[in-house]
Amino acid sequence: MKYCALCAKNAEDDRKDKPVIMPKYRRNRINDAVARELTEILRDVKDPRISGAFVTVTGADVTADLKYAKIFYSIIGETDEKELSRGLKSAAPFIRRELAVRLNLRQTPELAFVRDTGTRHGADIAELLHRISEEKKQTAESSAEETSDEL
């Protein structure tokens, strides 16, 4: 317990009720570092449910107190999503331990894996746009043939 001579009170009394505030740029750097290291760690996991799938870490969101982290991942290719989710959940202690070894953080966050459907959603939108453009080409060609037949 530290005593502050200037304020004539305990320095810890002021910090008890205040939330932990971390500068945003530091938090972004930590998020990027966690995502980058998890990409490397997932390559070393020997669980066949994970090693047999092509898993991409798309992002990480670590809380300000560094206790919890949401890890966003996407899957490329045909893989059983439920089995992969179970594999990630069972490998979480190993992944967390490896993350603690590789990153020098005050605390190593508890990991929660969340499926990121953004890439799939983007691919679906791209396919819809491709279909629309094909339909426009077909309607333009058919209308051009009709006008040439009328002449």
Protein backbone atom coordinates (compact mmCIF):
# COMPACT_ATOMS: atom_id res chain seq x y z
CA MET A 1 0.00 0.00 0.00
CA LYS A 2 1.59 3.25 -1.14
CA TYR A 3 1.12 6.51 0.69
CA CYS A 4 1.08 9.73 -1.30
CA ALA A 5 2.59 12.58 0.71
CA LEU A 6 1.22 15.22 -1.68
CA CYS A 7 -2.43 14.20 -1.35
CA ALA A 8 -2.19 12.82 2.20
CA LYS A 9 -4.04 9.62 1.35
CA ASN A 10 -3.44 6.17 -0.01
CA ALA A 11 -2.74 6.08 -3.74
CA GLU A 12 -4.63 2.80 -4.16
CA ASP A 13 -7.90 4.26 -2.88
CA ASP A 14 -8.31 6.31 -6.07
CA ARG A 15 -7.87 3.33 -8.40
CA LYS A 16 -10.33 0.89 -6.83
CA ASP A 17 -13.49 1.95 -8.63
CA LYS A 18 -11.98 3.13 -11.92
CA PRO A 19 -12.10 0.81 -14.93
CA VAL A 20 -8.93 -0.18 -16.73
CA ILE A 21 -8.42 2.20 -19.63
CA MET A 22 -5.94 1.33 -22.32
CA PRO A 23 -5.04 3.59 -25.23
CA LYS A 24 -6.75 2.44 -28.41
CA TYR A 25 -3.55 2.24 -30.44
CA ARG A 26 -2.00 -0.15 -27.89
CA ARG A 27 -5.08 -2.33 -27.92
CA ASN A 28 -5.00 -2.47 -31.72
CA ARG A 29 -1.34 -3.50 -31.63
CA ILE A 30 -2.14 -6.24 -29.12
CA ASN A 31 -5.07 -7.45 -31.25
CA ASP A 32 -2.84 -7.62 -34.33
CA ALA A 33 -0.05 -9.40 -32.45
CA VAL A 34 -2.47 -11.97 -30.99
CA ALA A 35 -4.01 -12.67 -34.42
CA ARG A 36 -0.59 -12.98 -36.07
CA GLU A 37 0.75 -15.36 -33.40
CA LEU A 38 -2.42 -17.46 -33.39
CA THR A 39 -2.04 -17.98 -37.13
CA GLU A 40 1.40 -19.46 -36.48
CA ILE A 41 0.26 -21.48 -33.45
CA LEU A 42 -2.66 -23.07 -35.32
CA ARG A 43 -0.16 -24.53 -37.79
CA ASP A 44 1.53 -26.37 -34.91
CA VAL A 45 -1.64 -27.86 -33.38
CA LYS A 46 -1.65 -31.63 -33.80
CA ASP A 47 -5.40 -32.15 -33.35
CA PRO A 48 -6.61 -33.75 -36.63
CA ARG A 49 -9.81 -31.70 -36.50
CA ILE A 50 -7.74 -28.52 -36.78
CA SER A 51 -4.71 -29.65 -38.76
CA GLY A 52 -6.93 -31.21 -41.43
CA ALA A 53 -8.75 -27.92 -42.07
CA PHE A 54 -7.49 -24.70 -43.57
CA VAL A 55 -8.27 -22.26 -40.75
CA THR A 56 -7.55 -18.56 -41.17
CA VAL A 57 -7.50 -16.17 -38.21
CA THR A 58 -9.28 -13.06 -39.48
CA GLY A 59 -8.98 -11.00 -36.31
CA ALA A 60 -8.77 -10.82 -32.56
CA ASP A 61 -10.53 -8.62 -30.05
CA VAL A 62 -8.81 -8.51 -26.66
CA THR A 63 -10.56 -6.78 -23.77
CA ALA A 64 -8.88 -3.79 -22.16
CA ASP A 65 -7.96 -5.75 -19.02
CA LEU A 66 -6.36 -8.52 -21.16
CA LYS A 67 -8.45 -11.24 -19.52
CA TYR A 68 -10.55 -12.35 -22.49
CA ALA A 69 -10.09 -12.47 -26.24
CA LYS A 70 -12.50 -13.25 -29.05
CA ILE A 71 -10.68 -14.89 -31.92
CA PHE A 72 -12.44 -14.62 -35.27
CA TYR A 73 -11.64 -17.37 -37.76
CA SER A 74 -12.82 -18.49 -41.17
CA ILE A 75 -12.62 -21.84 -42.88
CA ILE A 76 -11.57 -22.34 -46.47
CA GLY A 77 -12.73 -25.55 -48.09
CA GLU A 78 -15.10 -28.28 -47.04
CA THR A 79 -14.77 -29.02 -43.32
CA ASP A 80 -17.22 -30.06 -40.63
CA GLU A 81 -17.73 -26.79 -38.76
CA LYS A 82 -18.94 -28.40 -35.53
CA GLU A 83 -15.95 -30.72 -35.32
CA LEU A 84 -13.57 -27.86 -36.01
CA SER A 85 -15.25 -25.77 -33.31
CA ARG A 86 -14.89 -28.64 -30.84
CA GLY A 87 -11.25 -29.06 -31.83
CA LEU A 88 -10.51 -25.38 -31.27
CA LYS A 89 -12.25 -25.47 -27.92
CA SER A 90 -10.29 -28.52 -26.78
CA ALA A 91 -6.99 -27.06 -28.02
CA ALA A 92 -7.61 -23.66 -26.37
CA PRO A 93 -5.42 -24.38 -23.28
CA PHE A 94 -2.48 -25.42 -25.49
CA ILE A 95 -2.99 -22.39 -27.75
CA ARG A 96 -3.18 -20.08 -24.73
CA ARG A 97 0.01 -21.52 -23.26
CA GLU A 98 1.84 -21.09 -26.58
CA LEU A 99 0.53 -17.53 -26.83
CA ALA A 100 1.90 -16.79 -23.34
CA VAL A 101 5.32 -18.08 -24.38
CA ARG A 102 5.41 -16.05 -27.61
CA LEU A 103 3.91 -12.77 -26.39
CA ASN A 104 5.10 -10.85 -23.38
CA LEU A 105 1.77 -9.69 -21.94
CA ARG A 106 0.85 -8.94 -18.35
CA GLN A 107 -1.88 -11.58 -18.58
CA THR A 108 -2.60 -14.11 -21.27
CA PRO A 109 -6.24 -13.79 -22.29
CA GLU A 110 -8.75 -16.60 -22.11
CA LEU A 111 -9.61 -17.49 -25.72
CA ALA A 112 -13.08 -17.76 -27.22
CA PHE A 113 -13.24 -18.77 -30.89
CA VAL A 114 -15.96 -17.20 -33.04
CA ARG A 115 -16.68 -18.18 -36.64
CA ASP A 116 -16.30 -15.22 -38.99
CA THR A 117 -18.83 -15.48 -41.80
CA GLY A 118 -17.74 -12.24 -43.47
CA THR A 119 -15.67 -13.98 -46.15
CA ARG A 120 -18.50 -16.36 -46.99
CA HIS A 121 -20.94 -13.47 -47.07
CA GLY A 122 -18.61 -11.54 -49.40
CA ALA A 123 -18.29 -14.55 -51.71
CA ASP A 124 -22.09 -14.92 -51.82
CA ILE A 125 -22.50 -11.25 -52.75
CA ALA A 126 -19.83 -11.56 -55.46
CA GLU A 127 -21.64 -14.59 -56.91
CA LEU A 128 -24.98 -12.72 -56.91
CA LEU A 129 -23.39 -9.78 -58.71
CA HIS A 130 -21.86 -12.15 -61.25
CA ARG A 131 -25.26 -13.77 -61.89
CA ILE A 132 -26.91 -10.37 -62.32
CA SER A 133 -24.30 -9.29 -64.86
CA GLU A 134 -24.74 -12.56 -66.78
CA GLU A 135 -28.52 -12.08 -66.84
CA LYS A 136 -28.09 -8.52 -68.11
CA LYS A 137 -25.83 -9.76 -70.91
CA GLN A 138 -28.36 -12.44 -71.86
CA THR A 139 -31.28 -10.01 -71.90
CA ALA A 140 -29.24 -7.51 -73.94
CA GLU A 141 -28.31 -10.22 -76.45
CA SER A 142 -31.89 -11.50 -76.73
CA SER A 143 -33.27 -7.98 -77.21
CA ALA A 144 -30.61 -7.32 -79.87
CA GLU A 145 -31.61 -10.52 -81.71
CA GLU A 146 -35.29 -9.52 -81.58
CA THR A 147 -34.62 -6.10 -83.06
CA SER A 148 -32.47 -7.61 -85.82
CA ASP A 149 -35.25 -10.13 -86.63
CA GLU A 150 -37.79 -7.32 -86.96
CA LEU A 151 -35.67 -5.52 -89.56
